[in-house]
C-alpha atoms as a PDB file:
ATOM      1  CA  MET A   1     -24.204  35.467 -22.412  1.00  0.00           C
ATOM      2  CA  LYS A   2     -21.282  35.808 -24.434  1.00  0.00           C
ATOM      3  CA  LYS A   3     -20.628  39.278 -26.383  1.00  0.00           C
ATOM      4  CA  LYS A   4     -20.399  39.185 -29.923  1.00  0.00           C
ATOM      5  CA  PRO A   5     -16.711  40.767 -31.037  1.00  0.00           C
ATOM      6  CA  ARG A   6     -16.729  44.105 -32.466  1.00  0.00           C
ATOM      7  CA  GLY A   7     -14.706  45.457 -35.034  1.00  0.00           C
ATOM      8  CA  PHE A   8     -14.472  45.587 -39.152  1.00  0.00           C
ATOM      9  CA  PHE A   9     -13.437  43.464 -41.863  1.00  0.00           C
ATOM     10  CA  ILE A  10     -11.342  45.463 -44.358  1.00  0.00           C
ATOM     11  CA  THR A  11     -11.142  44.052 -47.939  1.00  0.00           C
ATOM     12  CA  GLY A  12     -10.595  45.102 -50.974  1.00  0.00           C
ATOM     13  CA  THR A  13     -11.248  45.217 -55.010  1.00  0.00           C
ATOM     14  CA  GLY A  14      -8.449  42.973 -55.457  1.00  0.00           C
ATOM     15  CA  THR A  15      -4.861  42.789 -53.851  1.00  0.00           C
ATOM     16  CA  ASP A  16      -2.444  45.870 -53.754  1.00  0.00           C
ATOM     17  CA  VAL A  17      -5.301  48.533 -53.208  1.00  0.00           C
ATOM     18  CA  GLY A  18      -3.729  49.388 -49.734  1.00  0.00           C
ATOM     19  CA  LYS A  19      -5.381  47.577 -47.300  1.00  0.00           C
ATOM     20  CA  THR A  20      -2.769  47.406 -45.013  1.00  0.00           C
ATOM     21  CA  PHE A  21      -2.193  51.068 -45.284  1.00  0.00           C
ATOM     22  CA  VAL A  22      -5.697  51.701 -44.346  1.00  0.00           C
ATOM     23  CA  CYS A  23      -5.817  49.436 -41.556  1.00  0.00           C
ATOM     24  CA  ARG A  24      -2.940  51.242 -40.157  1.00  0.00           C
ATOM     25  CA  LEU A  25      -4.557  54.518 -40.449  1.00  0.00           C
ATOM     26  CA  LEU A  26      -7.997  53.448 -38.992  1.00  0.00           C
ATOM     27  CA  ALA A  27      -6.319  51.848 -36.031  1.00  0.00           C
ATOM     28  CA  GLN A  28      -4.356  55.165 -35.303  1.00  0.00           C
ATOM     29  CA  ALA A  29      -7.982  57.006 -35.561  1.00  0.00           C
ATOM     30  CA  LEU A  30     -10.018  54.799 -33.558  1.00  0.00           C
ATOM     31  CA  SER A  31      -7.427  53.735 -31.229  1.00  0.00           C
ATOM     32  CA  LYS A  32      -8.390  57.574 -29.937  1.00  0.00           C
ATOM     33  CA  ILE A  33     -12.002  56.380 -29.636  1.00  0.00           C
ATOM     34  CA  ASN A  34     -11.860  52.752 -28.047  1.00  0.00           C
ATOM     35  CA  PRO A  35      -8.917  50.023 -28.128  1.00  0.00           C
ATOM     36  CA  VAL A  36      -7.946  48.655 -30.670  1.00  0.00           C
ATOM     37  CA  SER A  37      -6.523  45.157 -31.974  1.00  0.00           C
ATOM     38  CA  TYR A  38      -6.007  43.505 -35.434  1.00  0.00           C
ATOM     39  CA  LEU A  39      -6.610  40.088 -36.782  1.00  0.00           C
ATOM     40  CA  LYS A  40      -5.110  39.214 -40.059  1.00  0.00           C
ATOM     41  CA  PRO A  41      -6.623  35.619 -40.717  1.00  0.00           C
ATOM     42  CA  VAL A  42      -4.277  34.482 -43.328  1.00  0.00           C
ATOM     43  CA  GLN A  43      -0.901  36.271 -44.718  1.00  0.00           C
ATOM     44  CA  THR A  44       1.413  34.925 -47.676  1.00  0.00           C
ATOM     45  CA  GLY A  45       4.270  36.306 -48.407  1.00  0.00           C
ATOM     46  CA  CYS A  46       5.901  35.747 -45.175  1.00  0.00           C
ATOM     47  CA  THR A  47       9.690  36.148 -44.280  1.00  0.00           C
ATOM     48  CA  THR A  48      11.542  33.184 -42.156  1.00  0.00           C
ATOM     49  CA  ALA A  49      12.312  34.013 -39.018  1.00  0.00           C
ATOM     50  CA  LYS A  50      15.748  33.146 -36.979  1.00  0.00           C
ATOM     51  CA  ASN A  51      13.295  30.198 -34.892  1.00  0.00           C
ATOM     52  CA  GLY A  52      12.303  29.071 -38.110  1.00  0.00           C
ATOM     53  CA  GLY A  53       8.631  30.529 -37.929  1.00  0.00           C
ATOM     54  CA  PHE A  54       7.316  33.055 -40.359  1.00  0.00           C
ATOM     55  CA  ILE A  55       6.904  36.764 -39.613  1.00  0.00           C
ATOM     56  CA  ALA A  56       3.786  38.328 -40.843  1.00  0.00           C
ATOM     57  CA  PRO A  57       5.000  41.795 -42.437  1.00  0.00           C
ATOM     58  CA  ASP A  58       1.157  43.196 -42.242  1.00  0.00           C
ATOM     59  CA  TYR A  59       0.852  42.572 -38.861  1.00  0.00           C
ATOM     60  CA  TYR A  60       3.996  44.173 -37.724  1.00  0.00           C
ATOM     61  CA  TYR A  61       3.438  47.362 -40.144  1.00  0.00           C
ATOM     62  CA  VAL A  62       0.079  47.914 -38.684  1.00  0.00           C
ATOM     63  CA  LYS A  63       1.282  47.421 -35.043  1.00  0.00           C
ATOM     64  CA  ARG A  64       4.459  49.668 -35.162  1.00  0.00           C
ATOM     65  CA  ASN A  65       2.809  52.716 -33.709  1.00  0.00           C
ATOM     66  CA  GLY A  66       2.239  51.045 -30.676  1.00  0.00           C
ATOM     67  CA  MET A  67      -1.563  51.627 -30.680  1.00  0.00           C
ATOM     68  CA  LEU A  68      -2.573  48.050 -30.804  1.00  0.00           C
ATOM     69  CA  VAL A  69      -3.901  45.850 -27.924  1.00  0.00           C
ATOM     70  CA  THR A  70      -1.962  42.311 -28.568  1.00  0.00           C
ATOM     71  CA  GLY A  71      -1.421  39.234 -27.436  1.00  0.00           C
ATOM     72  CA  ASN A  72       0.460  36.188 -28.834  1.00  0.00           C
ATOM     73  CA  ASP A  73       1.681  36.775 -32.252  1.00  0.00           C
ATOM     74  CA  GLN A  74       0.330  33.742 -33.533  1.00  0.00           C
ATOM     75  CA  LEU A  75      -3.149  34.769 -32.272  1.00  0.00           C
ATOM     76  CA  HIS A  76      -3.326  37.886 -34.488  1.00  0.00           C
ATOM     77  CA  VAL A  77      -2.064  36.055 -37.763  1.00  0.00           C
ATOM     78  CA  PRO A  78      -3.285  32.258 -37.360  1.00  0.00           C
ATOM     79  CA  TYR A  79      -2.359  31.206 -40.829  1.00  0.00           C
ATOM     80  CA  ARG A  80       1.357  32.551 -42.271  1.00  0.00           C
ATOM     81  CA  PHE A  81       2.841  31.151 -45.564  1.00  0.00           C
ATOM     82  CA  LYS A  82       6.053  31.940 -47.454  1.00  0.00           C
ATOM     83  CA  PRO A  83       4.967  31.899 -50.922  1.00  0.00           C
ATOM     84  CA  ALA A  84       3.537  35.399 -52.106  1.00  0.00           C
ATOM     85  CA  CYS A  85       0.637  33.775 -53.734  1.00  0.00           C
ATOM     86  CA  SER A  86      -3.288  33.043 -53.183  1.00  0.00           C
ATOM     87  CA  PRO A  87      -3.807  31.415 -49.968  1.00  0.00           C
ATOM     88  CA  HIS A  88      -5.571  28.262 -51.244  1.00  0.00           C
ATOM     89  CA  LEU A  89      -2.233  27.666 -53.033  1.00  0.00           C
ATOM     90  CA  ALA A  90      -0.179  28.742 -50.268  1.00  0.00           C
ATOM     91  CA  ALA A  91      -1.981  26.340 -48.164  1.00  0.00           C
ATOM     92  CA  ARG A  92      -2.113  23.632 -50.500  1.00  0.00           C
ATOM     93  CA  LEU A  93       1.773  23.949 -50.845  1.00  0.00           C
ATOM     94  CA  ALA A  94       2.140  24.050 -46.885  1.00  0.00           C
ATOM     95  CA  GLY A  95      -0.057  20.709 -46.945  1.00  0.00           C
ATOM     96  CA  LYS A  96      -2.342  22.811 -44.632  1.00  0.00           C
ATOM     97  CA  LYS A  97      -6.262  23.758 -44.402  1.00  0.00           C
ATOM     98  CA  ILE A  98      -7.486  26.883 -43.588  1.00  0.00           C
ATOM     99  CA  SER A  99     -10.032  26.345 -40.761  1.00  0.00           C
ATOM    100  CA  LEU A 100     -12.872  28.936 -40.596  1.00  0.00           C
ATOM    101  CA  LEU A 101     -13.175  27.608 -36.844  1.00  0.00           C
ATOM    102  CA  ARG A 102      -9.984  28.605 -36.032  1.00  0.00           C
ATOM    103  CA  ILE A 103     -10.244  31.920 -37.500  1.00  0.00           C
ATOM    104  CA  GLY A 104     -13.343  32.835 -35.607  1.00  0.00           C
ATOM    105  CA  SER A 105     -11.851  31.435 -32.300  1.00  0.00           C
ATOM    106  CA  CYS A 106      -9.037  33.888 -33.139  1.00  0.00           C
ATOM    107  CA  LEU A 107     -11.174  37.037 -33.202  1.00  0.00           C
ATOM    108  CA  GLU A 108     -13.220  35.968 -29.930  1.00  0.00           C
ATOM    109  CA  LYS A 109      -9.837  35.636 -28.113  1.00  0.00           C
ATOM    110  CA  ILE A 110      -8.631  38.912 -29.457  1.00  0.00           C
ATOM    111  CA  SER A 111     -11.709  40.531 -28.439  1.00  0.00           C
ATOM    112  CA  ARG A 112     -11.525  39.234 -24.814  1.00  0.00           C
ATOM    113  CA  LEU A 113      -7.438  40.230 -24.246  1.00  0.00           C
ATOM    114  CA  PRO A 114      -6.874  42.340 -21.319  1.00  0.00           C
ATOM    115  CA  GLY A 115      -7.098  46.035 -22.166  1.00  0.00           C
ATOM    116  CA  MET A 116      -9.891  45.269 -24.754  1.00  0.00           C
ATOM    117  CA  GLU A 117     -12.857  45.985 -22.802  1.00  0.00           C
ATOM    118  CA  GLY A 118     -15.354  48.087 -25.244  1.00  0.00           C
ATOM    119  CA  GLY A 119     -12.805  47.560 -27.837  1.00  0.00           C
ATOM    120  CA  CYS A 120     -13.076  46.739 -31.674  1.00  0.00           C
ATOM    121  CA  VAL A 121     -10.941  44.492 -33.737  1.00  0.00           C
ATOM    122  CA  ILE A 122      -9.492  45.737 -36.973  1.00  0.00           C
ATOM    123  CA  VAL A 123      -9.339  42.191 -39.095  1.00  0.00           C
ATOM    124  CA  GLU A 124      -7.733  42.329 -43.018  1.00  0.00           C
ATOM    125  CA  GLY A 125      -8.588  39.939 -45.505  1.00  0.00           C
ATOM    126  CA  ALA A 126      -5.875  38.911 -48.278  1.00  0.00           C
ATOM    127  CA  GLY A 127      -6.783  39.844 -51.942  1.00  0.00           C
ATOM    128  CA  GLY A 128     -10.454  40.094 -52.563  1.00  0.00           C
ATOM    129  CA  VAL A 129     -13.621  38.817 -51.291  1.00  0.00           C
ATOM    130  CA  LEU A 130     -13.487  35.420 -53.849  1.00  0.00           C
ATOM    131  CA  ALA A 131      -9.846  35.084 -53.149  1.00  0.00           C
ATOM    132  CA  PRO A 132     -10.043  31.435 -52.480  1.00  0.00           C
ATOM    133  CA  LEU A 133      -9.007  29.614 -49.114  1.00  0.00           C
ATOM    134  CA  GLY A 134      -9.829  25.815 -50.344  1.00  0.00           C
ATOM    135  CA  VAL A 135     -11.539  24.163 -52.889  1.00  0.00           C
ATOM    136  CA  SER A 136     -15.155  24.982 -51.496  1.00  0.00           C
ATOM    137  CA  SER A 137     -14.187  28.532 -49.419  1.00  0.00           C
ATOM    138  CA  SER A 138     -13.512  31.974 -50.199  1.00  0.00           C
ATOM    139  CA  MET A 139     -12.544  35.229 -48.572  1.00  0.00           C
ATOM    140  CA  ILE A 140     -15.812  35.895 -48.313  1.00  0.00           C
ATOM    141  CA  ASN A 141     -16.999  32.858 -46.288  1.00  0.00           C
ATOM    142  CA  ILE A 142     -14.680  34.158 -43.309  1.00  0.00           C
ATOM    143  CA  ILE A 143     -16.323  37.430 -43.761  1.00  0.00           C
ATOM    144  CA  VAL A 144     -19.648  36.004 -43.167  1.00  0.00           C
ATOM    145  CA  ARG A 145     -18.370  33.617 -40.354  1.00  0.00           C
ATOM    146  CA  LEU A 146     -16.878  36.571 -38.583  1.00  0.00           C
ATOM    147  CA  ASN A 147     -19.945  38.709 -39.101  1.00  0.00           C
ATOM    148  CA  LEU A 148     -18.386  42.350 -38.928  1.00  0.00           C
ATOM    149  CA  PRO A 149     -19.584  45.472 -40.770  1.00  0.00           C
ATOM    150  CA  VAL A 150     -16.987  45.516 -43.685  1.00  0.00           C
ATOM    151  CA  ILE A 151     -15.208  48.454 -45.007  1.00  0.00           C
ATOM    152  CA  LEU A 152     -14.243  48.177 -48.838  1.00  0.00           C
ATOM    153  CA  VAL A 153     -10.586  49.625 -50.297  1.00  0.00           C
ATOM    154  CA  THR A 154     -10.831  50.655 -53.637  1.00  0.00           C
ATOM    155  CA  THR A 155      -8.745  52.712 -56.190  1.00  0.00           C
ATOM    156  CA  PRO A 156      -9.655  55.751 -58.155  1.00  0.00           C
ATOM    157  CA  GLY A 157      -7.825  54.501 -61.362  1.00  0.00           C
ATOM    158  CA  LEU A 158      -9.718  53.223 -64.699  1.00  0.00           C
ATOM    159  CA  GLY A 159     -11.253  49.991 -63.872  1.00  0.00           C
ATOM    160  CA  THR A 160     -12.391  50.737 -60.709  1.00  0.00           C
ATOM    161  CA  LEU A 161     -16.016  51.139 -61.147  1.00  0.00           C
ATOM    162  CA  ASN A 162     -16.546  47.547 -62.696  1.00  0.00           C
ATOM    163  CA  HIS A 163     -14.279  46.004 -59.598  1.00  0.00           C
ATOM    164  CA  THR A 164     -16.001  48.243 -57.054  1.00  0.00           C
ATOM    165  CA  PHE A 165     -19.599  47.386 -57.938  1.00  0.00           C
ATOM    166  CA  LEU A 166     -18.806  43.371 -58.494  1.00  0.00           C
ATOM    167  CA  THR A 167     -17.789  43.678 -55.010  1.00  0.00           C
ATOM    168  CA  LEU A 168     -20.253  45.344 -53.705  1.00  0.00           C
ATOM    169  CA  CYS A 169     -22.563  43.150 -55.194  1.00  0.00           C
ATOM    170  CA  ALA A 170     -20.737  40.276 -53.870  1.00  0.00           C
ATOM    171  CA  LEU A 171     -21.066  41.459 -50.179  1.00  0.00           C
ATOM    172  CA  HIS A 172     -24.843  42.390 -50.697  1.00  0.00           C
ATOM    173  CA  SER A 173     -25.473  38.636 -52.229  1.00  0.00           C
ATOM    174  CA  ALA A 174     -24.004  37.243 -48.849  1.00  0.00           C
ATOM    175  CA  GLY A 175     -25.914  39.766 -46.636  1.00  0.00           C
ATOM    176  CA  VAL A 176     -22.850  41.204 -45.317  1.00  0.00           C
ATOM    177  CA  PRO A 177     -23.677  44.658 -43.757  1.00  0.00           C
ATOM    178  CA  MET A 178     -21.465  47.749 -45.351  1.00  0.00           C
ATOM    179  CA  ALA A 179     -19.855  50.047 -42.826  1.00  0.00           C
ATOM    180  CA  GLY A 180     -18.149  52.193 -45.709  1.00  0.00           C
ATOM    181  CA  VAL A 181     -15.886  52.645 -48.777  1.00  0.00           C
ATOM    182  CA  ILE A 182     -12.509  54.135 -49.132  1.00  0.00           C
ATOM    183  CA  MET A 183     -10.900  55.097 -52.364  1.00  0.00           C
ATOM    184  CA  ASN A 184      -7.210  55.135 -51.685  1.00  0.00           C
ATOM    185  CA  ASN A 185      -5.271  56.879 -54.413  1.00  0.00           C
ATOM    186  CA  ARG A 186      -1.972  54.449 -53.745  1.00  0.00           C
ATOM    187  CA  GLU A 187      -0.555  55.005 -57.108  1.00  0.00           C
ATOM    188  CA  ASN A 188      -0.867  58.892 -57.318  1.00  0.00           C
ATOM    189  CA  CYS A 189      -3.809  58.886 -60.137  1.00  0.00           C
ATOM    190  CA  PRO A 190      -3.696  62.490 -61.742  1.00  0.00           C
ATOM    191  CA  GLU A 191      -7.070  64.059 -60.167  1.00  0.00           C
ATOM    192  CA  ASP A 192      -8.259  64.325 -63.693  1.00  0.00           C
ATOM    193  CA  PHE A 193     -12.319  64.093 -65.167  1.00  0.00           C
ATOM    194  CA  ILE A 194     -11.831  60.268 -64.861  1.00  0.00           C
ATOM    195  CA  TYR A 195     -10.886  60.704 -61.215  1.00  0.00           C
ATOM    196  CA  ARG A 196     -13.312  62.890 -60.308  1.00  0.00           C
ATOM    197  CA  ASP A 197     -16.221  61.026 -62.209  1.00  0.00           C
ATOM    198  CA  ASN A 198     -15.145  57.783 -60.880  1.00  0.00           C
ATOM    199  CA  ILE A 199     -15.790  59.009 -56.862  1.00  0.00           C
ATOM    200  CA  LYS A 200     -18.804  60.637 -57.853  1.00  0.00           C
ATOM    201  CA  THR A 201     -20.208  57.223 -59.194  1.00  0.00           C
ATOM    202  CA  VAL A 202     -19.190  55.504 -56.567  1.00  0.00           C
ATOM    203  CA  ARG A 203     -20.813  57.428 -53.904  1.00  0.00           C
ATOM    204  CA  GLY A 204     -23.880  57.660 -55.781  1.00  0.00           C
ATOM    205  CA  PHE A 205     -23.712  53.721 -55.937  1.00  0.00           C
ATOM    206  CA  ILE A 206     -23.346  53.460 -52.167  1.00  0.00           C
ATOM    207  CA  GLY A 207     -25.842  55.875 -51.259  1.00  0.00           C
ATOM    208  CA  ASN A 208     -25.709  56.565 -47.361  1.00  0.00           C
ATOM    209  CA  VAL A 209     -22.568  54.397 -46.729  1.00  0.00           C
ATOM    210  CA  PRO A 210     -20.012  56.722 -45.413  1.00  0.00           C
ATOM    211  CA  PHE A 211     -17.245  57.509 -48.024  1.00  0.00           C
ATOM    212  CA  LEU A 212     -13.686  58.610 -47.865  1.00  0.00           C
ATOM    213  CA  GLU A 213     -11.202  59.314 -50.029  1.00  0.00           C
ATOM    214  CA  ILE A 214      -7.845  59.283 -49.342  1.00  0.00           C
ATOM    215  CA  LYS A 215      -5.211  61.067 -50.920  1.00  0.00           C
ATOM    216  CA  ASN A 216      -1.561  59.592 -52.070  1.00  0.00           C
ATOM    217  CA  GLY A 217       0.670  59.454 -49.301  1.00  0.00           C
ATOM    218  CA  ALA A 218      -1.926  61.112 -46.762  1.00  0.00           C
ATOM    219  CA  GLY A 219      -1.878  60.560 -43.012  1.00  0.00           C
ATOM    220  CA  SER A 220      -4.341  60.598 -40.300  1.00  0.00           C
ATOM    221  CA  GLY A 221      -6.252  63.830 -40.893  1.00  0.00           C
ATOM    222  CA  ARG A 222      -9.460  65.270 -40.104  1.00  0.00           C
ATOM    223  CA  LYS A 223     -11.471  63.507 -42.828  1.00  0.00           C
ATOM    224  CA  ILE A 224     -10.163  59.990 -41.440  1.00  0.00           C
ATOM    225  CA  ARG A 225     -10.819  61.000 -38.188  1.00  0.00           C
ATOM    226  CA  ASN A 226     -14.498  62.246 -39.166  1.00  0.00           C
ATOM    227  CA  PHE A 227     -14.827  59.140 -41.031  1.00  0.00           C
ATOM    228  CA  CYS A 228     -14.028  56.607 -38.034  1.00  0.00           C
ATOM    229  CA  ASP A 229     -16.237  59.083 -35.603  1.00  0.00           C
ATOM    230  CA  GLU A 230     -19.241  58.005 -38.135  1.00  0.00           C
ATOM    231  CA  LEU A 231     -18.021  54.441 -37.744  1.00  0.00           C
ATOM    232  CA  ALA A 232     -18.063  54.239 -34.136  1.00  0.00           C
ATOM    233  CA  LYS A 233     -21.450  55.903 -34.168  1.00  0.00           C
ATOM    234  CA  ASN A 234     -22.933  53.292 -36.486  1.00  0.00           C
ATOM    235  CA  HIS A 235     -21.134  50.249 -35.330  1.00  0.00           C
ATOM    236  CA  LEU A 236     -19.170  50.664 -31.829  1.00  0.00           C
END
């Protein structure tokens, strides 16, 4: 019987919340527990390579420290587009359709790479959970298809409660299991009464779901390692 791939789907409350930065931190910490690889199903904003193909910046950023088990680059980023726009628009401009079947096949192949025995795959979404992929599909359809527990990346600034709760409600409605919530202070918001109350309110909303606060510019540390230990205990 074929084993189900193990790993986590990293999504965000929107674009530019620091998903790729979080993926790299998680890869560093989880690689000390299990072999780790990475999948970015759709990358927009690519640069052009010398051979005429496209370079996927998020993938190269995450694997820079050499902690990933990797195969063919195309396997880790199956859909690459040059315009830095929504996946559905980038695909339409390129005359392509994004196939959930192909993305699922990439996850399975990555999970069977040499050196991935007992490992996990970090899958990074693009934009938020309802970012469209085409006429009738969005990022949440990839999440449901891959059937991995989700880690939601959010921010501590004003407005985050609405964005966070809407995203959590959409994931809950789709029957998606939550592995954790990470509040990433990428814009260095002041740790004032709004900041502190946003953390308290989000933690109250998610109950027993593991929570991690990442301070601006924070690298690997004890809190991140503890968070990953909890992820591994609950899902790996």
